[in-house]
Amino acid sequence: MITGILEPSHFSDSALAQLKKIGKVKLFDGDNLKSFLKDVSILFVRLNHRIDASILDHAKNLEIICTPTTGLNHIDLDYCKKRHIKILSLKGETAFLKTIRATPEHTLGLILALYRNYHSAFLTLQNNEWNRENHKGYEIFNSNIGIIGLGRVGTILSGYLLKMGAHVGYYDIADKRAAAKLRKYRSVADLIKHSDTIVLCSSYDANVGSIIRQKEIDLMNGKYFVNTARAELTDEEYLVQMAGKDHFKGIAIDVISEEQTTQRTLKQWLTLGLNRNIIVTPHIGGATYTSMCRTEEFIVGKLKSEIGKK
């Protein structure tokens, strides 16, 4: 079997060694993707490529796609099903994922960055005025923070925030049990009305679509909004429009629409952020050396089990 690693930069040495025991391993060097895919039967991907027919049609021998992610919207699942291509991911791996803390830590960092105006307060040669009065911010202690989606990220984040003295509430489409100190809201709108900061941590389901629509965005007037989940969960065009009208106290996003293709809203976000409390990070929530190596090693373990079934 031939395994192709589409994004080999900093790929786990341990995972790579295990893959070499399975068979030949190819590392994509950025040149001639069509030739690279020609004979691979296993493909390791991250998030820099949209894995659809334009890629998969060149991989005639492909049997398995390995993606060390929980979200799968970077893969055309319907096309994979049609081709009988197996997807191995982190989705549903609850016990293991509880030990992966990169995304909740980044989400907490973004909240802090908004509260303390880090976007403008970090001094550079171009931004060099030593004036603390221009950068006064707020504290997490005693603030009201609402989390949408109480899965792994939302649950871990809520624990961090409670430790820091915040009042934390949540909304989840499922009837989930939560820590006694968390306030449960019956709707997204109700959560927004009672929160100073809204944090989107939901997983994306194409059958459900967006959950932050125009009505919910209108309710966020004068509030902070953080999204480290998926841009598709929001009405992104309206979000950008209202950000341009200074509707929000601050916005931090780690995700945008069409990340693997046009990145169509990136320039808009960056332009808006020139003179507003807007922070954009390039989907780095899960991107730490620790988490990426561990998740790659975990997926290789799943791959070995899958191959052992054949």
C-alpha atoms as a PDB file:
ATOM      1  CA  MET A   1       0.000   0.000   0.000  1.00  0.00           C
ATOM      2  CA  ILE A   2       1.192   3.512  -0.789  1.00  0.00           C
ATOM      3  CA  THR A   3       0.435   6.341   1.635  1.00  0.00           C
ATOM      4  CA  GLY A   4       0.553   9.930   0.463  1.00  0.00           C
ATOM      5  CA  ILE A   5       0.937  12.783   2.956  1.00  0.00           C
ATOM      6  CA  LEU A   6      -0.482  15.912   1.376  1.00  0.00           C
ATOM      7  CA  GLU A   7       0.816  18.367   3.998  1.00  0.00           C
ATOM      8  CA  PRO A   8       4.014  16.793   5.397  1.00  0.00           C
ATOM      9  CA  SER A   9       5.427  19.850   7.177  1.00  0.00           C
ATOM     10  CA  HIS A  10       6.171  18.943  10.832  1.00  0.00           C
ATOM     11  CA  PHE A  11       4.365  15.616  10.438  1.00  0.00           C
ATOM     12  CA  SER A  12       4.869  13.419  13.502  1.00  0.00           C
ATOM     13  CA  ASP A  13       8.108  11.397  13.251  1.00  0.00           C
ATOM     14  CA  SER A  14       6.514   8.594  15.242  1.00  0.00           C
ATOM     15  CA  ALA A  15       3.440   8.504  12.987  1.00  0.00           C
ATOM     16  CA  LEU A  16       5.642   8.558   9.898  1.00  0.00           C
ATOM     17  CA  ALA A  17       7.692   5.627  11.199  1.00  0.00           C
ATOM     18  CA  GLN A  18       4.512   3.618  11.762  1.00  0.00           C
ATOM     19  CA  LEU A  19       3.248   4.428   8.257  1.00  0.00           C
ATOM     20  CA  LYS A  20       6.514   3.185   6.752  1.00  0.00           C
ATOM     21  CA  LYS A  21       5.894  -0.176   8.416  1.00  0.00           C
ATOM     22  CA  ILE A  22       2.595  -0.379   6.542  1.00  0.00           C
ATOM     23  CA  GLY A  23       4.132   0.364   3.139  1.00  0.00           C
ATOM     24  CA  LYS A  24       5.699   3.028   0.965  1.00  0.00           C
ATOM     25  CA  VAL A  25       5.181   6.663   2.044  1.00  0.00           C
ATOM     26  CA  LYS A  26       5.214   9.652  -0.317  1.00  0.00           C
ATOM     27  CA  LEU A  27       5.491  13.273   0.831  1.00  0.00           C
ATOM     28  CA  PHE A  28       3.946  15.935  -1.393  1.00  0.00           C
ATOM     29  CA  ASP A  29       6.469  18.647  -2.248  1.00  0.00           C
ATOM     30  CA  GLY A  30       3.950  21.078  -3.725  1.00  0.00           C
ATOM     31  CA  ASP A  31       4.661  20.162  -7.330  1.00  0.00           C
ATOM     32  CA  ASN A  32       2.499  18.096  -9.701  1.00  0.00           C
ATOM     33  CA  LEU A  33      -0.377  17.017  -7.469  1.00  0.00           C
ATOM     34  CA  LYS A  34      -1.860  14.877 -10.231  1.00  0.00           C
ATOM     35  CA  SER A  35       1.256  12.715 -10.433  1.00  0.00           C
ATOM     36  CA  PHE A  36       1.521  12.528  -6.633  1.00  0.00           C
ATOM     37  CA  LEU A  37      -2.010  11.160  -6.277  1.00  0.00           C
ATOM     38  CA  LYS A  38      -1.789   8.677  -9.131  1.00  0.00           C
ATOM     39  CA  ASP A  39      -0.872   5.567  -7.134  1.00  0.00           C
ATOM     40  CA  VAL A  40      -1.771   6.382  -3.501  1.00  0.00           C
ATOM     41  CA  SER A  41      -4.239   4.131  -1.718  1.00  0.00           C
ATOM     42  CA  ILE A  42      -4.118   6.067   1.590  1.00  0.00           C
ATOM     43  CA  LEU A  43      -4.126   9.871   1.741  1.00  0.00           C
ATOM     44  CA  PHE A  44      -3.291  11.939   4.838  1.00  0.00           C
ATOM     45  CA  VAL A  45      -4.729  15.467   4.725  1.00  0.00           C
ATOM     46  CA  ARG A  46      -4.983  18.500   6.997  1.00  0.00           C
ATOM     47  CA  LEU A  47      -6.955  21.638   6.165  1.00  0.00           C
ATOM     48  CA  ASN A  48      -5.103  23.441   3.372  1.00  0.00           C
ATOM     49  CA  HIS A  49      -6.873  21.607   0.560  1.00  0.00           C
ATOM     50  CA  ARG A  50     -10.494  21.090  -0.360  1.00  0.00           C
ATOM     51  CA  ILE A  51     -10.666  17.326  -0.937  1.00  0.00           C
ATOM     52  CA  ASP A  52     -13.269  17.069  -3.686  1.00  0.00           C
ATOM     53  CA  ALA A  53     -13.636  15.596  -7.159  1.00  0.00           C
ATOM     54  CA  SER A  54     -10.966  17.908  -8.584  1.00  0.00           C
ATOM     55  CA  ILE A  55      -8.425  16.120  -6.381  1.00  0.00           C
ATOM     56  CA  LEU A  56      -9.981  12.695  -5.930  1.00  0.00           C
ATOM     57  CA  ASP A  57     -10.407  12.065  -9.659  1.00  0.00           C
ATOM     58  CA  HIS A  58      -6.609  11.854  -9.884  1.00  0.00           C
ATOM     59  CA  ALA A  59      -6.454   9.237  -7.124  1.00  0.00           C
ATOM     60  CA  LYS A  60      -7.972   6.211  -8.815  1.00  0.00           C
ATOM     61  CA  ASN A  61      -6.509   3.759  -6.281  1.00  0.00           C
ATOM     62  CA  LEU A  62      -7.552   5.703  -3.193  1.00  0.00           C
ATOM     63  CA  GLU A  63      -9.262   3.634  -0.496  1.00  0.00           C
ATOM     64  CA  ILE A  64      -8.802   5.642   2.722  1.00  0.00           C
ATOM     65  CA  ILE A  65      -8.552   9.327   3.629  1.00  0.00           C
ATOM     66  CA  CYS A  66      -7.002  10.077   7.017  1.00  0.00           C
ATOM     67  CA  THR A  67      -7.732  13.504   8.521  1.00  0.00           C
ATOM     68  CA  PRO A  68      -6.654  14.324  12.106  1.00  0.00           C
ATOM     69  CA  THR A  69      -9.604  16.717  12.497  1.00  0.00           C
ATOM     70  CA  THR A  70     -13.064  16.618  14.031  1.00  0.00           C
ATOM     71  CA  GLY A  71     -14.675  18.735  11.326  1.00  0.00           C
ATOM     72  CA  LEU A  72     -15.039  17.205   7.872  1.00  0.00           C
ATOM     73  CA  ASN A  73     -16.337  20.080   5.758  1.00  0.00           C
ATOM     74  CA  HIS A  74     -13.020  20.209   3.890  1.00  0.00           C
ATOM     75  CA  ILE A  75     -13.887  16.825   2.358  1.00  0.00           C
ATOM     76  CA  ASP A  76     -16.625  16.082  -0.172  1.00  0.00           C
ATOM     77  CA  LEU A  77     -18.211  13.284   1.823  1.00  0.00           C
ATOM     78  CA  ASP A  78     -20.888  12.498  -0.767  1.00  0.00           C
ATOM     79  CA  TYR A  79     -18.269  11.994  -3.460  1.00  0.00           C
ATOM     80  CA  CYS A  80     -16.195   9.806  -1.135  1.00  0.00           C
ATOM     81  CA  LYS A  81     -19.258   7.709  -0.401  1.00  0.00           C
ATOM     82  CA  LYS A  82     -19.890   7.319  -4.110  1.00  0.00           C
ATOM     83  CA  ARG A  83     -16.294   6.168  -4.579  1.00  0.00           C
ATOM     84  CA  HIS A  84     -16.444   3.931  -1.458  1.00  0.00           C
ATOM     85  CA  ILE A  85     -13.542   5.846   0.100  1.00  0.00           C
ATOM     86  CA  LYS A  86     -13.295   5.354   3.863  1.00  0.00           C
ATOM     87  CA  ILE A  87     -12.804   8.465   6.054  1.00  0.00           C
ATOM     88  CA  LEU A  88     -10.782   8.103   9.256  1.00  0.00           C
ATOM     89  CA  SER A  89     -11.034  11.177  11.490  1.00  0.00           C
ATOM     90  CA  LEU A  90     -11.250  12.335  15.109  1.00  0.00           C
ATOM     91  CA  LYS A  91     -15.004  12.765  14.957  1.00  0.00           C
ATOM     92  CA  GLY A  92     -16.610  10.983  17.904  1.00  0.00           C
ATOM     93  CA  GLU A  93     -13.310  10.099  19.599  1.00  0.00           C
ATOM     94  CA  THR A  94     -14.502  11.626  22.867  1.00  0.00           C
ATOM     95  CA  ALA A  95     -12.090  10.077  25.349  1.00  0.00           C
ATOM     96  CA  PHE A  96      -8.985  10.908  23.321  1.00  0.00           C
ATOM     97  CA  LEU A  97     -10.139  14.416  22.422  1.00  0.00           C
ATOM     98  CA  LYS A  98     -10.563  15.352  26.077  1.00  0.00           C
ATOM     99  CA  THR A  99      -6.773  15.342  26.286  1.00  0.00           C
ATOM    100  CA  ILE A 100      -6.362  17.688  23.286  1.00  0.00           C
ATOM    101  CA  ARG A 101      -6.505  21.246  24.589  1.00  0.00           C
ATOM    102  CA  ALA A 102      -5.167  23.420  21.759  1.00  0.00           C
ATOM    103  CA  THR A 103      -8.489  24.822  20.511  1.00  0.00           C
ATOM    104  CA  PRO A 104     -10.041  25.680  23.896  1.00  0.00           C
ATOM    105  CA  GLU A 105      -6.764  27.348  24.915  1.00  0.00           C
ATOM    106  CA  HIS A 106      -6.720  29.397  21.719  1.00  0.00           C
ATOM    107  CA  THR A 107     -10.367  30.350  22.215  1.00  0.00           C
ATOM    108  CA  LEU A 108      -9.599  31.567  25.722  1.00  0.00           C
ATOM    109  CA  GLY A 109      -6.663  33.530  24.314  1.00  0.00           C
ATOM    110  CA  LEU A 110      -8.913  35.234  21.773  1.00  0.00           C
ATOM    111  CA  ILE A 111     -11.388  36.228  24.476  1.00  0.00           C
ATOM    112  CA  LEU A 112      -8.564  37.731  26.519  1.00  0.00           C
ATOM    113  CA  ALA A 113      -7.188  39.489  23.438  1.00  0.00           C
ATOM    114  CA  LEU A 114     -10.542  41.136  22.752  1.00  0.00           C
ATOM    115  CA  TYR A 115     -11.086  42.159  26.369  1.00  0.00           C
ATOM    116  CA  ARG A 116      -7.615  43.703  26.669  1.00  0.00           C
ATOM    117  CA  ASN A 117      -7.431  45.274  23.202  1.00  0.00           C
ATOM    118  CA  TYR A 118      -4.280  43.349  22.304  1.00  0.00           C
ATOM    119  CA  HIS A 119      -4.916  44.012  18.613  1.00  0.00           C
ATOM    120  CA  SER A 120      -3.962  47.658  19.122  1.00  0.00           C
ATOM    121  CA  ALA A 121      -2.044  47.424  22.414  1.00  0.00           C
ATOM    122  CA  PHE A 122       0.855  45.296  21.167  1.00  0.00           C
ATOM    123  CA  LEU A 123       3.469  47.892  20.280  1.00  0.00           C
ATOM    124  CA  THR A 124       5.576  47.797  17.106  1.00  0.00           C
ATOM    125  CA  LEU A 125       7.841  50.231  15.292  1.00  0.00           C
ATOM    126  CA  GLN A 126       4.751  51.439  13.429  1.00  0.00           C
ATOM    127  CA  ASN A 127       2.447  51.396  16.468  1.00  0.00           C
ATOM    128  CA  ASN A 128       4.778  52.843  19.083  1.00  0.00           C
ATOM    129  CA  GLU A 129       2.846  55.256  21.265  1.00  0.00           C
ATOM    130  CA  TRP A 130       3.391  54.483  24.968  1.00  0.00           C
ATOM    131  CA  ASN A 131      -0.052  55.465  26.264  1.00  0.00           C
ATOM    132  CA  ARG A 132      -1.816  53.015  28.540  1.00  0.00           C
ATOM    133  CA  GLU A 133      -4.981  55.150  28.629  1.00  0.00           C
ATOM    134  CA  ASN A 134      -5.644  54.317  24.967  1.00  0.00           C
ATOM    135  CA  HIS A 135      -5.760  50.595  25.666  1.00  0.00           C
ATOM    136  CA  LYS A 136      -7.810  50.104  28.806  1.00  0.00           C
ATOM    137  CA  GLY A 137      -9.849  46.925  28.621  1.00  0.00           C
ATOM    138  CA  TYR A 138     -12.044  44.595  30.639  1.00  0.00           C
ATOM    139  CA  GLU A 139     -11.679  41.506  32.821  1.00  0.00           C
ATOM    140  CA  ILE A 140     -13.054  38.012  32.432  1.00  0.00           C
ATOM    141  CA  PHE A 141     -13.795  37.981  36.164  1.00  0.00           C
ATOM    142  CA  ASN A 142     -17.523  38.601  36.746  1.00  0.00           C
ATOM    143  CA  SER A 143     -18.297  38.867  33.019  1.00  0.00           C
ATOM    144  CA  ASN A 144     -21.193  37.007  31.387  1.00  0.00           C
ATOM    145  CA  ILE A 145     -20.000  34.599  28.719  1.00  0.00           C
ATOM    146  CA  GLY A 146     -22.287  32.407  26.634  1.00  0.00           C
ATOM    147  CA  ILE A 147     -20.988  29.296  24.874  1.00  0.00           C
ATOM    148  CA  ILE A 148     -22.878  27.881  21.894  1.00  0.00           C
ATOM    149  CA  GLY A 149     -22.111  24.176  21.628  1.00  0.00           C
ATOM    150  CA  LEU A 150     -21.105  22.280  24.761  1.00  0.00           C
ATOM    151  CA  GLY A 151     -18.993  19.611  23.138  1.00  0.00           C
ATOM    152  CA  ARG A 152     -15.337  19.009  23.901  1.00  0.00           C
ATOM    153  CA  VAL A 153     -14.128  22.558  23.212  1.00  0.00           C
ATOM    154  CA  GLY A 154     -17.088  24.238  24.881  1.00  0.00           C
ATOM    155  CA  THR A 155     -16.875  22.055  27.974  1.00  0.00           C
ATOM    156  CA  ILE A 156     -13.125  22.549  28.476  1.00  0.00           C
ATOM    157  CA  LEU A 157     -13.427  26.291  27.785  1.00  0.00           C
ATOM    158  CA  SER A 158     -16.253  26.634  30.306  1.00  0.00           C
ATOM    159  CA  GLY A 159     -13.989  25.098  32.958  1.00  0.00           C
ATOM    160  CA  TYR A 160     -11.254  27.636  32.233  1.00  0.00           C
ATOM    161  CA  LEU A 161     -13.711  30.533  32.386  1.00  0.00           C
ATOM    162  CA  LEU A 162     -15.319  29.357  35.618  1.00  0.00           C
ATOM    163  CA  LYS A 163     -11.875  29.150  37.224  1.00  0.00           C
ATOM    164  CA  MET A 164     -11.337  32.778  36.205  1.00  0.00           C
ATOM    165  CA  GLY A 165     -14.552  33.888  37.875  1.00  0.00           C
ATOM    166  CA  ALA A 166     -16.815  34.397  34.855  1.00  0.00           C
ATOM    167  CA  HIS A 167     -20.543  33.707  34.835  1.00  0.00           C
ATOM    168  CA  VAL A 168     -20.906  31.074  32.110  1.00  0.00           C
ATOM    169  CA  GLY A 169     -23.995  29.921  30.282  1.00  0.00           C
ATOM    170  CA  TYR A 170     -24.486  27.602  27.340  1.00  0.00           C
ATOM    171  CA  TYR A 171     -26.834  26.485  24.624  1.00  0.00           C
ATOM    172  CA  ASP A 172     -26.590  23.099  22.941  1.00  0.00           C
ATOM    173  CA  ILE A 173     -28.986  21.496  20.508  1.00  0.00           C
ATOM    174  CA  ALA A 174     -28.652  18.263  22.485  1.00  0.00           C
ATOM    175  CA  ASP A 175     -29.914  17.949  26.032  1.00  0.00           C
ATOM    176  CA  LYS A 176     -26.470  17.746  27.588  1.00  0.00           C
ATOM    177  CA  ARG A 177     -25.610  17.487  31.249  1.00  0.00           C
ATOM    178  CA  ALA A 178     -23.251  20.215  32.351  1.00  0.00           C
ATOM    179  CA  ALA A 179     -21.448  21.463  35.434  1.00  0.00           C
ATOM    180  CA  ALA A 180     -23.801  22.800  38.061  1.00  0.00           C
ATOM    181  CA  LYS A 181     -22.327  26.294  37.783  1.00  0.00           C
ATOM    182  CA  LEU A 182     -23.259  26.589  34.106  1.00  0.00           C
ATOM    183  CA  ARG A 183     -26.537  28.266  33.230  1.00  0.00           C
ATOM    184  CA  LYS A 184     -28.499  26.521  30.493  1.00  0.00           C
ATOM    185  CA  TYR A 185     -30.335  28.609  27.901  1.00  0.00           C
ATOM    186  CA  ARG A 186     -33.244  27.380  25.823  1.00  0.00           C
ATOM    187  CA  SER A 187     -32.255  29.141  22.614  1.00  0.00           C
ATOM    188  CA  VAL A 188     -29.339  30.899  20.944  1.00  0.00           C
ATOM    189  CA  ALA A 189     -31.271  34.169  21.114  1.00  0.00           C
ATOM    190  CA  ASP A 190     -31.830  33.793  24.856  1.00  0.00           C
ATOM    191  CA  LEU A 191     -28.125  33.116  25.399  1.00  0.00           C
ATOM    192  CA  ILE A 192     -27.119  36.188  23.407  1.00  0.00           C
ATOM    193  CA  LYS A 193     -29.509  38.452  25.316  1.00  0.00           C
ATOM    194  CA  HIS A 194     -27.979  37.435  28.664  1.00  0.00           C
ATOM    195  CA  SER A 195     -24.298  37.393  27.612  1.00  0.00           C
ATOM    196  CA  ASP A 196     -21.627  40.057  27.172  1.00  0.00           C
ATOM    197  CA  THR A 197     -19.571  37.660  25.059  1.00  0.00           C
ATOM    198  CA  ILE A 198     -20.798  34.952  22.689  1.00  0.00           C
ATOM    199  CA  VAL A 199     -18.447  32.093  21.826  1.00  0.00           C
ATOM    200  CA  LEU A 200     -19.278  29.714  18.987  1.00  0.00           C
ATOM    201  CA  CYS A 201     -17.958  26.196  19.642  1.00  0.00           C
ATOM    202  CA  SER A 202     -20.500  24.074  17.757  1.00  0.00           C
ATOM    203  CA  SER A 203     -19.687  21.361  15.274  1.00  0.00           C
ATOM    204  CA  TYR A 204     -20.962  21.922  11.747  1.00  0.00           C
ATOM    205  CA  ASP A 205     -23.754  19.834  10.273  1.00  0.00           C
ATOM    206  CA  ALA A 206     -24.598  20.555   6.642  1.00  0.00           C
ATOM    207  CA  ASN A 207     -28.158  19.358   7.279  1.00  0.00           C
ATOM    208  CA  VAL A 208     -28.603  22.050   9.944  1.00  0.00           C
ATOM    209  CA  GLY A 209     -26.591  24.849   8.347  1.00  0.00           C
ATOM    210  CA  SER A 210     -25.963  28.177  10.031  1.00  0.00           C
ATOM    211  CA  ILE A 211     -27.157  28.885  13.565  1.00  0.00           C
ATOM    212  CA  ILE A 212     -25.954  32.493  13.788  1.00  0.00           C
ATOM    213  CA  ARG A 213     -28.239  34.211  11.302  1.00  0.00           C
ATOM    214  CA  GLN A 214     -29.281  37.829  10.858  1.00  0.00           C
ATOM    215  CA  LYS A 215     -31.637  37.751  13.826  1.00  0.00           C
ATOM    216  CA  GLU A 216     -28.943  36.455  16.175  1.00  0.00           C
ATOM    217  CA  ILE A 217     -26.335  38.881  14.800  1.00  0.00           C
ATOM    218  CA  ASP A 218     -28.708  41.812  15.350  1.00  0.00           C
ATOM    219  CA  LEU A 219     -28.958  40.804  19.017  1.00  0.00           C
ATOM    220  CA  MET A 220     -25.158  41.079  19.420  1.00  0.00           C
ATOM    221  CA  ASN A 221     -25.118  44.868  19.355  1.00  0.00           C
ATOM    222  CA  GLY A 222     -22.332  46.088  21.681  1.00  0.00           C
ATOM    223  CA  LYS A 223     -21.177  42.541  22.483  1.00  0.00           C
ATOM    224  CA  TYR A 224     -18.075  40.436  21.808  1.00  0.00           C
ATOM    225  CA  PHE A 225     -18.255  37.512  19.370  1.00  0.00           C
ATOM    226  CA  VAL A 226     -15.690  34.702  19.026  1.00  0.00           C
ATOM    227  CA  ASN A 227     -15.804  31.909  16.441  1.00  0.00           C
ATOM    228  CA  THR A 228     -13.260  29.085  16.544  1.00  0.00           C
ATOM    229  CA  ALA A 229     -15.711  26.529  15.106  1.00  0.00           C
ATOM    230  CA  ARG A 230     -16.709  26.937  11.444  1.00  0.00           C
ATOM    231  CA  ALA A 231     -17.599  30.011   9.362  1.00  0.00           C
ATOM    232  CA  GLU A 232     -20.478  28.050   7.820  1.00  0.00           C
ATOM    233  CA  LEU A 233     -22.244  28.212  11.180  1.00  0.00           C
ATOM    234  CA  THR A 234     -22.776  31.949  10.622  1.00  0.00           C
ATOM    235  CA  ASP A 235     -24.306  34.221   8.026  1.00  0.00           C
ATOM    236  CA  GLU A 236     -20.819  35.460   7.255  1.00  0.00           C
ATOM    237  CA  GLU A 237     -21.786  38.129   4.738  1.00  0.00           C
ATOM    238  CA  TYR A 238     -24.128  39.768   7.235  1.00  0.00           C
ATOM    239  CA  LEU A 239     -21.545  39.362   9.989  1.00  0.00           C
ATOM    240  CA  VAL A 240     -19.008  41.278   7.886  1.00  0.00           C
ATOM    241  CA  GLN A 241     -21.595  43.904   7.004  1.00  0.00           C
ATOM    242  CA  MET A 242     -22.518  44.566  10.639  1.00  0.00           C
ATOM    243  CA  ALA A 243     -18.872  44.550  11.740  1.00  0.00           C
ATOM    244  CA  GLY A 244     -18.338  47.380   9.262  1.00  0.00           C
ATOM    245  CA  LYS A 245     -21.091  49.320  10.998  1.00  0.00           C
ATOM    246  CA  ASP A 246     -19.333  48.977  14.386  1.00  0.00           C
ATOM    247  CA  HIS A 247     -22.146  46.759  15.602  1.00  0.00           C
ATOM    248  CA  PHE A 248     -19.852  44.687  17.829  1.00  0.00           C
ATOM    249  CA  LYS A 249     -17.650  45.558  20.771  1.00  0.00           C
ATOM    250  CA  GLY A 250     -15.125  43.162  19.285  1.00  0.00           C
ATOM    251  CA  ILE A 251     -14.864  40.104  17.031  1.00  0.00           C
ATOM    252  CA  ALA A 252     -12.280  37.317  16.969  1.00  0.00           C
ATOM    253  CA  ILE A 253     -12.452  34.638  14.274  1.00  0.00           C
ATOM    254  CA  ASP A 254     -10.232  31.658  13.565  1.00  0.00           C
ATOM    255  CA  VAL A 255     -12.283  30.489  10.594  1.00  0.00           C
ATOM    256  CA  ILE A 256     -13.546  31.981   7.331  1.00  0.00           C
ATOM    257  CA  SER A 257     -15.625  30.628   4.478  1.00  0.00           C
ATOM    258  CA  GLU A 258     -13.948  28.772   1.617  1.00  0.00           C
ATOM    259  CA  GLU A 259     -10.620  28.553   3.457  1.00  0.00           C
ATOM    260  CA  GLN A 260      -9.196  25.993   1.045  1.00  0.00           C
ATOM    261  CA  THR A 261     -10.249  27.849  -2.121  1.00  0.00           C
ATOM    262  CA  THR A 262     -11.090  31.545  -2.585  1.00  0.00           C
ATOM    263  CA  GLN A 263     -10.839  32.771   1.032  1.00  0.00           C
ATOM    264  CA  ARG A 264     -13.404  35.247  -0.226  1.00  0.00           C
ATOM    265  CA  THR A 265     -13.963  37.210   2.991  1.00  0.00           C
ATOM    266  CA  LEU A 266     -10.360  37.432   4.193  1.00  0.00           C
ATOM    267  CA  LYS A 267      -9.576  40.819   2.648  1.00  0.00           C
ATOM    268  CA  GLN A 268     -12.839  42.228   4.022  1.00  0.00           C
ATOM    269  CA  TRP A 269     -12.013  41.064   7.552  1.00  0.00           C
ATOM    270  CA  LEU A 270      -8.470  42.384   7.388  1.00  0.00           C
ATOM    271  CA  THR A 271      -9.644  45.748   6.077  1.00  0.00           C
ATOM    272  CA  LEU A 272     -12.244  46.044   8.828  1.00  0.00           C
ATOM    273  CA  GLY A 273      -9.610  45.163  11.411  1.00  0.00           C
ATOM    274  CA  LEU A 274      -7.397  48.133  10.555  1.00  0.00           C
ATOM    275  CA  ASN A 275      -9.230  50.420  12.965  1.00  0.00           C
ATOM    276  CA  ARG A 276     -11.500  48.118  14.941  1.00  0.00           C
ATOM    277  CA  ASN A 277     -11.217  45.527  17.702  1.00  0.00           C
ATOM    278  CA  ILE A 278     -11.220  42.677  15.190  1.00  0.00           C
ATOM    279  CA  ILE A 279      -8.795  39.741  15.378  1.00  0.00           C
ATOM    280  CA  VAL A 280      -8.342  37.185  12.604  1.00  0.00           C
ATOM    281  CA  THR A 281      -6.197  34.063  12.987  1.00  0.00           C
ATOM    282  CA  PRO A 282      -5.672  31.517  10.153  1.00  0.00           C
ATOM    283  CA  HIS A 283      -7.478  28.498  11.639  1.00  0.00           C
ATOM    284  CA  ILE A 284      -4.728  27.860  14.189  1.00  0.00           C
ATOM    285  CA  GLY A 285      -7.055  26.682  16.959  1.00  0.00           C
ATOM    286  CA  GLY A 286      -5.794  23.111  16.823  1.00  0.00           C
ATOM    287  CA  ALA A 287      -2.396  23.941  15.367  1.00  0.00           C
ATOM    288  CA  THR A 288       0.139  23.276  18.100  1.00  0.00           C
ATOM    289  CA  TYR A 289       3.086  20.927  17.703  1.00  0.00           C
ATOM    290  CA  THR A 290       1.770  18.898  20.630  1.00  0.00           C
ATOM    291  CA  SER A 291      -1.797  18.435  19.440  1.00  0.00           C
ATOM    292  CA  MET A 292      -0.965  17.868  15.785  1.00  0.00           C
ATOM    293  CA  CYS A 293       1.619  15.177  16.509  1.00  0.00           C
ATOM    294  CA  ARG A 294      -0.646  13.399  18.966  1.00  0.00           C
ATOM    295  CA  THR A 295      -3.660  13.464  16.642  1.00  0.00           C
ATOM    296  CA  GLU A 296      -1.600  12.203  13.691  1.00  0.00           C
ATOM    297  CA  GLU A 297      -0.315   9.337  15.819  1.00  0.00           C
ATOM    298  CA  PHE A 298      -3.855   8.550  16.936  1.00  0.00           C
ATOM    299  CA  ILE A 299      -5.133   8.471  13.355  1.00  0.00           C
ATOM    300  CA  VAL A 300      -2.287   6.148  12.329  1.00  0.00           C
ATOM    301  CA  GLY A 301      -3.451   3.848  15.116  1.00  0.00           C
ATOM    302  CA  LYS A 302      -6.973   3.890  13.657  1.00  0.00           C
ATOM    303  CA  LEU A 303      -5.531   3.233  10.212  1.00  0.00           C
ATOM    304  CA  LYS A 304      -3.623   0.169  11.418  1.00  0.00           C
ATOM    305  CA  SER A 305      -6.817  -1.170  12.984  1.00  0.00           C
ATOM    306  CA  GLU A 306      -8.748  -0.528   9.773  1.00  0.00           C
ATOM    307  CA  ILE A 307      -6.132  -2.318   7.665  1.00  0.00           C
ATOM    308  CA  GLY A 308      -6.136  -5.200  10.138  1.00  0.00           C
ATOM    309  CA  LYS A 309      -9.834  -5.756   9.429  1.00  0.00           C
ATOM    310  CA  LYS A 310      -9.147  -6.490   5.774  1.00  0.00           C
END
